[in-house]
């Protein structure tokens, strides 16, 4: 019997379980605290000398390029939706849903909800990071940010400094989506919350190590950090190139998830 399409209903339910969950604002708050902790030395210098020479956006850029805080952020982001998927498997709730909808729609709803939740959490955290530090340090330091931000300075001048937080938040968020999707893949096979977190954490390091030897233009470390990787100076070309690479990379774990779902269906588990 052919099942009706319930993708929109599934998506609405999954988004509510993702963004509407109590853990979502907690994850955002923890990411903001983590970011501030990584720039605490600079914060103390500003509090002591009040030079106003360092801006929160410069510090955010430095964190994205040089700091290792990303692994801890990935661990936090892995809890955005893998926990919900794990609970579905352990309670057999997924079987009840799959009885009424198509397996492909069920999985696609999970992946889209995770993507929206992760990207939203990153963008909101980056913006809040700058806002929380505003009484201590300006968004842009006294030396300006053009020399630091390259082609992103074009967006800053056009739409305001906080545009940078959202733009790089989208880039790093898409990378986090690809990594946490590996966590979803792991949970779909081994329904355990710690498996989802561990898989995302391991995938983060494996992916960076694997692509570290790639040419500069496809190096995910720099692409996800908002670094200009093309010789072309135009903002739109560089930014949408990076977005395109991030989206293509997200397709890798997504395809693996669909393959695992198809195999599970073939073996009679659903």
C-alpha atoms as a PDB file:
ATOM      1  CA  UNK A   1       0.000   0.000   0.000  1.00  0.00           C
ATOM      2  CA  UNK A   2       1.400   3.392  -1.002  1.00  0.00           C
ATOM      3  CA  UNK A   3       1.922   5.702   1.956  1.00  0.00           C
ATOM      4  CA  UNK A   4       0.958   9.368   1.866  1.00  0.00           C
ATOM      5  CA  UNK A   5       3.583  12.069   2.051  1.00  0.00           C
ATOM      6  CA  UNK A   6       3.932  13.424   5.591  1.00  0.00           C
ATOM      7  CA  UNK A   7       7.222  15.308   5.167  1.00  0.00           C
ATOM      8  CA  UNK A   8       5.898  18.705   6.264  1.00  0.00           C
ATOM      9  CA  UNK A   9       4.194  17.258   9.333  1.00  0.00           C
ATOM     10  CA  UNK A  10       7.341  15.312  10.234  1.00  0.00           C
ATOM     11  CA  UNK A  11       9.487  18.390   9.736  1.00  0.00           C
ATOM     12  CA  UNK A  12       7.238  20.492  11.947  1.00  0.00           C
ATOM     13  CA  UNK A  13       7.347  17.848  14.681  1.00  0.00           C
ATOM     14  CA  UNK A  14      11.125  17.367  14.457  1.00  0.00           C
ATOM     15  CA  UNK A  15      11.852  21.104  14.477  1.00  0.00           C
ATOM     16  CA  UNK A  16       9.741  21.460  17.599  1.00  0.00           C
ATOM     17  CA  UNK A  17      11.666  18.615  19.245  1.00  0.00           C
ATOM     18  CA  UNK A  18      14.949  20.198  18.150  1.00  0.00           C
ATOM     19  CA  UNK A  19      14.680  23.964  18.531  1.00  0.00           C
ATOM     20  CA  UNK A  20      11.812  23.825  20.998  1.00  0.00           C
ATOM     21  CA  UNK A  21      13.625  21.457  23.359  1.00  0.00           C
ATOM     22  CA  UNK A  22      14.890  22.716  26.715  1.00  0.00           C
ATOM     23  CA  UNK A  23      18.424  21.643  25.851  1.00  0.00           C
ATOM     24  CA  UNK A  24      18.595  23.997  22.828  1.00  0.00           C
ATOM     25  CA  UNK A  25      19.022  27.302  24.760  1.00  0.00           C
ATOM     26  CA  UNK A  26      21.310  25.472  27.198  1.00  0.00           C
ATOM     27  CA  UNK A  27      23.571  24.410  24.318  1.00  0.00           C
ATOM     28  CA  UNK A  28      23.664  27.996  23.012  1.00  0.00           C
ATOM     29  CA  UNK A  29      24.536  29.343  26.471  1.00  0.00           C
ATOM     30  CA  UNK A  30      27.323  26.778  26.902  1.00  0.00           C
ATOM     31  CA  UNK A  31      28.820  27.670  23.501  1.00  0.00           C
ATOM     32  CA  UNK A  32      28.822  31.378  24.423  1.00  0.00           C
ATOM     33  CA  UNK A  33      30.504  30.591  27.760  1.00  0.00           C
ATOM     34  CA  UNK A  34      33.065  28.446  25.952  1.00  0.00           C
ATOM     35  CA  UNK A  35      33.849  31.236  23.488  1.00  0.00           C
ATOM     36  CA  UNK A  36      34.255  33.800  26.261  1.00  0.00           C
ATOM     37  CA  UNK A  37      36.459  31.419  28.252  1.00  0.00           C
ATOM     38  CA  UNK A  38      38.782  31.106  25.258  1.00  0.00           C
ATOM     39  CA  UNK A  39      39.251  34.895  25.065  1.00  0.00           C
ATOM     40  CA  UNK A  40      39.242  35.480  28.827  1.00  0.00           C
ATOM     41  CA  UNK A  41      42.840  36.749  28.846  1.00  0.00           C
ATOM     42  CA  UNK A  42      41.952  39.441  26.304  1.00  0.00           C
ATOM     43  CA  UNK A  43      38.839  40.313  28.294  1.00  0.00           C
ATOM     44  CA  UNK A  44      40.925  40.821  31.447  1.00  0.00           C
ATOM     45  CA  UNK A  45      43.381  43.041  29.551  1.00  0.00           C
ATOM     46  CA  UNK A  46      40.524  45.205  28.284  1.00  0.00           C
ATOM     47  CA  UNK A  47      39.054  45.456  31.783  1.00  0.00           C
ATOM     48  CA  UNK A  48      42.404  46.512  33.209  1.00  0.00           C
ATOM     49  CA  UNK A  49      43.672  48.957  30.586  1.00  0.00           C
ATOM     50  CA  UNK A  50      40.470  49.899  28.696  1.00  0.00           C
ATOM     51  CA  UNK A  51      42.402  50.490  25.466  1.00  0.00           C
ATOM     52  CA  UNK A  52      39.433  49.523  23.238  1.00  0.00           C
ATOM     53  CA  UNK A  53      41.940  48.341  20.637  1.00  0.00           C
ATOM     54  CA  UNK A  54      40.646  44.765  20.444  1.00  0.00           C
ATOM     55  CA  UNK A  55      37.221  43.949  19.083  1.00  0.00           C
ATOM     56  CA  UNK A  56      35.087  40.893  19.740  1.00  0.00           C
ATOM     57  CA  UNK A  57      34.860  40.154  16.015  1.00  0.00           C
ATOM     58  CA  UNK A  58      38.652  40.002  15.714  1.00  0.00           C
ATOM     59  CA  UNK A  59      38.738  37.595  18.637  1.00  0.00           C
ATOM     60  CA  UNK A  60      36.007  35.482  17.044  1.00  0.00           C
ATOM     61  CA  UNK A  61      38.013  35.274  13.836  1.00  0.00           C
ATOM     62  CA  UNK A  62      41.132  34.253  15.753  1.00  0.00           C
ATOM     63  CA  UNK A  63      39.161  31.545  17.557  1.00  0.00           C
ATOM     64  CA  UNK A  64      37.840  30.128  14.311  1.00  0.00           C
ATOM     65  CA  UNK A  65      41.237  30.005  12.631  1.00  0.00           C
ATOM     66  CA  UNK A  66      43.712  29.234  15.388  1.00  0.00           C
ATOM     67  CA  UNK A  67      41.913  27.837  18.425  1.00  0.00           C
ATOM     68  CA  UNK A  68      40.956  24.241  19.175  1.00  0.00           C
ATOM     69  CA  UNK A  69      37.681  25.144  20.857  1.00  0.00           C
ATOM     70  CA  UNK A  70      35.849  23.803  17.815  1.00  0.00           C
ATOM     71  CA  UNK A  71      36.000  20.217  19.065  1.00  0.00           C
ATOM     72  CA  UNK A  72      34.178  21.160  22.274  1.00  0.00           C
ATOM     73  CA  UNK A  73      31.575  23.095  20.269  1.00  0.00           C
ATOM     74  CA  UNK A  74      31.025  20.038  18.052  1.00  0.00           C
ATOM     75  CA  UNK A  75      30.405  17.913  21.158  1.00  0.00           C
ATOM     76  CA  UNK A  76      27.745  20.380  22.308  1.00  0.00           C
ATOM     77  CA  UNK A  77      26.152  20.639  18.856  1.00  0.00           C
ATOM     78  CA  UNK A  78      25.979  16.862  18.533  1.00  0.00           C
ATOM     79  CA  UNK A  79      23.328  16.935  21.265  1.00  0.00           C
ATOM     80  CA  UNK A  80      21.027  19.210  19.233  1.00  0.00           C
ATOM     81  CA  UNK A  81      19.225  16.302  17.592  1.00  0.00           C
ATOM     82  CA  UNK A  82      21.094  12.994  17.976  1.00  0.00           C
ATOM     83  CA  UNK A  83      19.536  12.597  21.439  1.00  0.00           C
ATOM     84  CA  UNK A  84      16.020  12.755  19.970  1.00  0.00           C
ATOM     85  CA  UNK A  85      16.839  10.190  17.288  1.00  0.00           C
ATOM     86  CA  UNK A  86      18.407   7.926  19.885  1.00  0.00           C
ATOM     87  CA  UNK A  87      15.282   8.122  22.074  1.00  0.00           C
ATOM     88  CA  UNK A  88      13.132   7.211  19.053  1.00  0.00           C
ATOM     89  CA  UNK A  89      15.181   4.080  18.431  1.00  0.00           C
ATOM     90  CA  UNK A  90      15.314   2.944  22.047  1.00  0.00           C
ATOM     91  CA  UNK A  91      11.584   3.430  22.612  1.00  0.00           C
ATOM     92  CA  UNK A  92      10.644   1.935  19.208  1.00  0.00           C
ATOM     93  CA  UNK A  93       8.803   5.199  18.513  1.00  0.00           C
ATOM     94  CA  UNK A  94      10.436   5.279  15.096  1.00  0.00           C
ATOM     95  CA  UNK A  95       8.631   2.063  14.129  1.00  0.00           C
ATOM     96  CA  UNK A  96       5.289   3.695  14.916  1.00  0.00           C
ATOM     97  CA  UNK A  97       6.153   6.703  12.745  1.00  0.00           C
ATOM     98  CA  UNK A  98       7.568   4.568   9.930  1.00  0.00           C
ATOM     99  CA  UNK A  99       4.341   2.560   9.869  1.00  0.00           C
ATOM    100  CA  UNK A 100       2.556   5.689   8.613  1.00  0.00           C
ATOM    101  CA  UNK A 101       5.231   7.462   6.534  1.00  0.00           C
ATOM    102  CA  UNK A 102       7.977   6.677   4.076  1.00  0.00           C
ATOM    103  CA  UNK A 103      11.416   5.846   5.513  1.00  0.00           C
ATOM    104  CA  UNK A 104      13.092   8.380   3.212  1.00  0.00           C
ATOM    105  CA  UNK A 105      10.826  11.187   4.423  1.00  0.00           C
ATOM    106  CA  UNK A 106      11.391  10.185   8.054  1.00  0.00           C
ATOM    107  CA  UNK A 107      15.180  10.353   7.671  1.00  0.00           C
ATOM    108  CA  UNK A 108      15.135  13.511   5.545  1.00  0.00           C
ATOM    109  CA  UNK A 109      13.068  15.268   8.209  1.00  0.00           C
ATOM    110  CA  UNK A 110      15.636  14.305  10.859  1.00  0.00           C
ATOM    111  CA  UNK A 111      18.577  15.519   8.772  1.00  0.00           C
ATOM    112  CA  UNK A 112      16.925  18.835   7.819  1.00  0.00           C
ATOM    113  CA  UNK A 113      15.880  19.497  11.420  1.00  0.00           C
ATOM    114  CA  UNK A 114      19.400  18.774  12.640  1.00  0.00           C
ATOM    115  CA  UNK A 115      20.827  21.117   9.987  1.00  0.00           C
ATOM    116  CA  UNK A 116      18.473  23.971  10.901  1.00  0.00           C
ATOM    117  CA  UNK A 117      19.050  23.449  14.612  1.00  0.00           C
ATOM    118  CA  UNK A 118      22.842  23.291  14.373  1.00  0.00           C
ATOM    119  CA  UNK A 119      23.210  26.296  12.062  1.00  0.00           C
ATOM    120  CA  UNK A 120      20.788  28.330  14.195  1.00  0.00           C
ATOM    121  CA  UNK A 121      22.649  27.433  17.385  1.00  0.00           C
ATOM    122  CA  UNK A 122      26.009  28.486  15.889  1.00  0.00           C
ATOM    123  CA  UNK A 123      24.750  31.786  14.432  1.00  0.00           C
ATOM    124  CA  UNK A 124      22.893  32.753  17.609  1.00  0.00           C
ATOM    125  CA  UNK A 125      25.920  31.847  19.753  1.00  0.00           C
ATOM    126  CA  UNK A 126      28.305  33.935  17.641  1.00  0.00           C
ATOM    127  CA  UNK A 127      26.013  36.967  17.749  1.00  0.00           C
ATOM    128  CA  UNK A 128      25.450  36.636  21.505  1.00  0.00           C
ATOM    129  CA  UNK A 129      29.202  36.311  22.030  1.00  0.00           C
ATOM    130  CA  UNK A 130      29.759  39.772  20.545  1.00  0.00           C
ATOM    131  CA  UNK A 131      26.752  41.293  22.314  1.00  0.00           C
ATOM    132  CA  UNK A 132      27.726  39.936  25.743  1.00  0.00           C
ATOM    133  CA  UNK A 133      31.257  41.347  25.365  1.00  0.00           C
ATOM    134  CA  UNK A 134      30.016  44.718  24.095  1.00  0.00           C
ATOM    135  CA  UNK A 135      30.312  46.475  27.514  1.00  0.00           C
ATOM    136  CA  UNK A 136      33.943  45.306  27.714  1.00  0.00           C
ATOM    137  CA  UNK A 137      35.219  45.533  24.149  1.00  0.00           C
ATOM    138  CA  UNK A 138      33.777  47.008  20.936  1.00  0.00           C
ATOM    139  CA  UNK A 139      32.623  44.915  18.018  1.00  0.00           C
ATOM    140  CA  UNK A 140      35.497  46.301  15.957  1.00  0.00           C
ATOM    141  CA  UNK A 141      38.811  47.291  17.558  1.00  0.00           C
ATOM    142  CA  UNK A 142      40.528  50.653  17.215  1.00  0.00           C
ATOM    143  CA  UNK A 143      42.769  49.370  14.409  1.00  0.00           C
ATOM    144  CA  UNK A 144      39.797  48.371  12.292  1.00  0.00           C
ATOM    145  CA  UNK A 145      39.147  44.911  10.944  1.00  0.00           C
ATOM    146  CA  UNK A 146      39.824  45.127   7.208  1.00  0.00           C
ATOM    147  CA  UNK A 147      43.341  43.761   7.581  1.00  0.00           C
ATOM    148  CA  UNK A 148      42.000  40.790   9.544  1.00  0.00           C
ATOM    149  CA  UNK A 149      38.841  39.867   7.721  1.00  0.00           C
ATOM    150  CA  UNK A 150      39.723  40.157   4.050  1.00  0.00           C
ATOM    151  CA  UNK A 151      36.679  39.905   1.813  1.00  0.00           C
ATOM    152  CA  UNK A 152      34.368  39.695   4.819  1.00  0.00           C
ATOM    153  CA  UNK A 153      35.087  43.365   5.436  1.00  0.00           C
ATOM    154  CA  UNK A 154      32.900  44.073   2.400  1.00  0.00           C
ATOM    155  CA  UNK A 155      29.927  42.480   4.146  1.00  0.00           C
ATOM    156  CA  UNK A 156      30.771  44.266   7.402  1.00  0.00           C
ATOM    157  CA  UNK A 157      30.806  47.671   5.683  1.00  0.00           C
ATOM    158  CA  UNK A 158      27.579  46.928   3.825  1.00  0.00           C
ATOM    159  CA  UNK A 159      25.402  45.334   6.521  1.00  0.00           C
ATOM    160  CA  UNK A 160      27.147  46.111   9.798  1.00  0.00           C
ATOM    161  CA  UNK A 161      29.669  44.311  12.007  1.00  0.00           C
ATOM    162  CA  UNK A 162      27.273  41.655  13.291  1.00  0.00           C
ATOM    163  CA  UNK A 163      26.808  40.479   9.699  1.00  0.00           C
ATOM    164  CA  UNK A 164      30.249  38.899  10.012  1.00  0.00           C
ATOM    165  CA  UNK A 165      29.084  36.794  12.978  1.00  0.00           C
ATOM    166  CA  UNK A 166      26.128  35.494  10.999  1.00  0.00           C
ATOM    167  CA  UNK A 167      28.131  34.864   7.817  1.00  0.00           C
ATOM    168  CA  UNK A 168      30.890  32.849   9.454  1.00  0.00           C
ATOM    169  CA  UNK A 169      28.298  31.263  11.720  1.00  0.00           C
ATOM    170  CA  UNK A 170      26.603  29.897   8.612  1.00  0.00           C
ATOM    171  CA  UNK A 171      29.913  28.568   7.270  1.00  0.00           C
ATOM    172  CA  UNK A 172      31.005  26.897  10.487  1.00  0.00           C
ATOM    173  CA  UNK A 173      27.418  25.797  11.099  1.00  0.00           C
ATOM    174  CA  UNK A 174      27.298  23.936   7.782  1.00  0.00           C
ATOM    175  CA  UNK A 175      30.560  22.210   8.632  1.00  0.00           C
ATOM    176  CA  UNK A 176      29.098  21.261  12.024  1.00  0.00           C
ATOM    177  CA  UNK A 177      26.025  19.893  10.216  1.00  0.00           C
ATOM    178  CA  UNK A 178      28.215  17.517   8.209  1.00  0.00           C
ATOM    179  CA  UNK A 179      30.066  16.353  11.319  1.00  0.00           C
ATOM    180  CA  UNK A 180      26.951  15.884  13.471  1.00  0.00           C
ATOM    181  CA  UNK A 181      25.303  14.040  10.573  1.00  0.00           C
ATOM    182  CA  UNK A 182      27.941  11.364  11.067  1.00  0.00           C
ATOM    183  CA  UNK A 183      26.694  11.236  14.656  1.00  0.00           C
ATOM    184  CA  UNK A 184      23.148  10.690  13.362  1.00  0.00           C
ATOM    185  CA  UNK A 185      24.485   7.915  11.130  1.00  0.00           C
ATOM    186  CA  UNK A 186      26.153   6.246  14.117  1.00  0.00           C
ATOM    187  CA  UNK A 187      23.025   6.557  16.288  1.00  0.00           C
ATOM    188  CA  UNK A 188      20.875   5.026  13.536  1.00  0.00           C
ATOM    189  CA  UNK A 189      23.099   1.935  13.753  1.00  0.00           C
ATOM    190  CA  UNK A 190      23.947   1.957  17.475  1.00  0.00           C
ATOM    191  CA  UNK A 191      21.171   3.812  19.364  1.00  0.00           C
ATOM    192  CA  UNK A 192      23.218   5.281  22.192  1.00  0.00           C
ATOM    193  CA  UNK A 193      23.624   8.977  23.066  1.00  0.00           C
ATOM    194  CA  UNK A 194      27.314   8.629  23.819  1.00  0.00           C
ATOM    195  CA  UNK A 195      27.860   6.928  20.469  1.00  0.00           C
ATOM    196  CA  UNK A 196      26.369   9.972  18.706  1.00  0.00           C
ATOM    197  CA  UNK A 197      28.617  12.374  20.614  1.00  0.00           C
ATOM    198  CA  UNK A 198      31.729  10.229  20.155  1.00  0.00           C
ATOM    199  CA  UNK A 199      31.056   9.727  16.436  1.00  0.00           C
ATOM    200  CA  UNK A 200      30.718  13.489  15.874  1.00  0.00           C
ATOM    201  CA  UNK A 201      33.897  14.150  17.870  1.00  0.00           C
ATOM    202  CA  UNK A 202      35.917  11.525  15.977  1.00  0.00           C
ATOM    203  CA  UNK A 203      34.505  12.641  12.618  1.00  0.00           C
ATOM    204  CA  UNK A 204      35.614  16.213  13.379  1.00  0.00           C
ATOM    205  CA  UNK A 205      39.268  15.227  13.792  1.00  0.00           C
ATOM    206  CA  UNK A 206      39.277  12.655  10.999  1.00  0.00           C
ATOM    207  CA  UNK A 207      37.796  15.123   8.506  1.00  0.00           C
ATOM    208  CA  UNK A 208      40.216  17.904   9.409  1.00  0.00           C
ATOM    209  CA  UNK A 209      43.173  15.497   9.302  1.00  0.00           C
ATOM    210  CA  UNK A 210      42.027  14.023   5.979  1.00  0.00           C
ATOM    211  CA  UNK A 211      41.394  17.358   4.252  1.00  0.00           C
ATOM    212  CA  UNK A 212      44.482  18.993   5.770  1.00  0.00           C
ATOM    213  CA  UNK A 213      46.548  17.732   2.856  1.00  0.00           C
ATOM    214  CA  UNK A 214      44.042  18.989   0.294  1.00  0.00           C
ATOM    215  CA  UNK A 215      44.752  22.117  -1.800  1.00  0.00           C
ATOM    216  CA  UNK A 216      44.121  25.403  -0.012  1.00  0.00           C
ATOM    217  CA  UNK A 217      40.965  26.053  -2.030  1.00  0.00           C
ATOM    218  CA  UNK A 218      39.241  22.916  -0.666  1.00  0.00           C
ATOM    219  CA  UNK A 219      40.760  22.830   2.819  1.00  0.00           C
ATOM    220  CA  UNK A 220      37.793  22.537   5.187  1.00  0.00           C
ATOM    221  CA  UNK A 221      39.654  24.087   8.122  1.00  0.00           C
ATOM    222  CA  UNK A 222      40.019  27.388   6.288  1.00  0.00           C
ATOM    223  CA  UNK A 223      36.695  27.189   4.446  1.00  0.00           C
ATOM    224  CA  UNK A 224      34.745  26.663   7.678  1.00  0.00           C
ATOM    225  CA  UNK A 225      36.700  29.487   9.363  1.00  0.00           C
ATOM    226  CA  UNK A 226      35.789  32.162   6.827  1.00  0.00           C
ATOM    227  CA  UNK A 227      39.271  32.478   5.339  1.00  0.00           C
ATOM    228  CA  UNK A 228      39.568  33.666   1.758  1.00  0.00           C
ATOM    229  CA  UNK A 229      40.794  30.650  -0.226  1.00  0.00           C
ATOM    230  CA  UNK A 230      40.398  31.925  -3.794  1.00  0.00           C
ATOM    231  CA  UNK A 231      42.636  34.449  -5.506  1.00  0.00           C
ATOM    232  CA  UNK A 232      39.527  36.366  -6.573  1.00  0.00           C
ATOM    233  CA  UNK A 233      38.854  39.273  -4.192  1.00  0.00           C
ATOM    234  CA  UNK A 234      35.101  39.493  -4.725  1.00  0.00           C
ATOM    235  CA  UNK A 235      33.078  38.797  -1.590  1.00  0.00           C
ATOM    236  CA  UNK A 236      30.175  37.001  -3.309  1.00  0.00           C
ATOM    237  CA  UNK A 237      32.413  34.632  -5.288  1.00  0.00           C
ATOM    238  CA  UNK A 238      34.497  33.615  -2.269  1.00  0.00           C
ATOM    239  CA  UNK A 239      31.610  33.304   0.146  1.00  0.00           C
ATOM    240  CA  UNK A 240      29.232  31.336  -2.054  1.00  0.00           C
ATOM    241  CA  UNK A 241      32.103  29.127  -3.180  1.00  0.00           C
ATOM    242  CA  UNK A 242      32.716  28.252   0.482  1.00  0.00           C
ATOM    243  CA  UNK A 243      28.984  27.716   1.066  1.00  0.00           C
ATOM    244  CA  UNK A 244      28.822  25.414  -1.976  1.00  0.00           C
ATOM    245  CA  UNK A 245      31.749  23.293  -0.775  1.00  0.00           C
ATOM    246  CA  UNK A 246      30.201  23.017   2.703  1.00  0.00           C
ATOM    247  CA  UNK A 247      26.840  21.922   1.256  1.00  0.00           C
ATOM    248  CA  UNK A 248      28.506  19.346  -0.990  1.00  0.00           C
ATOM    249  CA  UNK A 249      30.390  17.966   1.976  1.00  0.00           C
ATOM    250  CA  UNK A 250      27.141  17.700   3.955  1.00  0.00           C
ATOM    251  CA  UNK A 251      25.841  15.401   1.237  1.00  0.00           C
ATOM    252  CA  UNK A 252      28.451  12.732   2.112  1.00  0.00           C
ATOM    253  CA  UNK A 253      27.051  11.729   5.539  1.00  0.00           C
ATOM    254  CA  UNK A 254      23.500  12.326   4.307  1.00  0.00           C
ATOM    255  CA  UNK A 255      23.982   9.795   1.502  1.00  0.00           C
ATOM    256  CA  UNK A 256      25.487   7.342   3.985  1.00  0.00           C
ATOM    257  CA  UNK A 257      22.463   7.818   6.260  1.00  0.00           C
ATOM    258  CA  UNK A 258      20.091   7.000   3.410  1.00  0.00           C
ATOM    259  CA  UNK A 259      22.192   3.973   2.521  1.00  0.00           C
ATOM    260  CA  UNK A 260      22.007   2.751   6.131  1.00  0.00           C
ATOM    261  CA  UNK A 261      18.222   3.302   6.145  1.00  0.00           C
ATOM    262  CA  UNK A 262      17.846   1.364   2.884  1.00  0.00           C
ATOM    263  CA  UNK A 263      19.936  -1.482   4.270  1.00  0.00           C
ATOM    264  CA  UNK A 264      17.889  -1.523   7.471  1.00  0.00           C
ATOM    265  CA  UNK A 265      14.695  -1.724   5.413  1.00  0.00           C
ATOM    266  CA  UNK A 266      16.141  -4.503   3.235  1.00  0.00           C
ATOM    267  CA  UNK A 267      16.989  -6.551   6.320  1.00  0.00           C
ATOM    268  CA  UNK A 268      13.434  -6.184   7.609  1.00  0.00           C
ATOM    269  CA  UNK A 269      14.150  -3.939  10.597  1.00  0.00           C
ATOM    270  CA  UNK A 270      11.617  -1.362   9.377  1.00  0.00           C
END
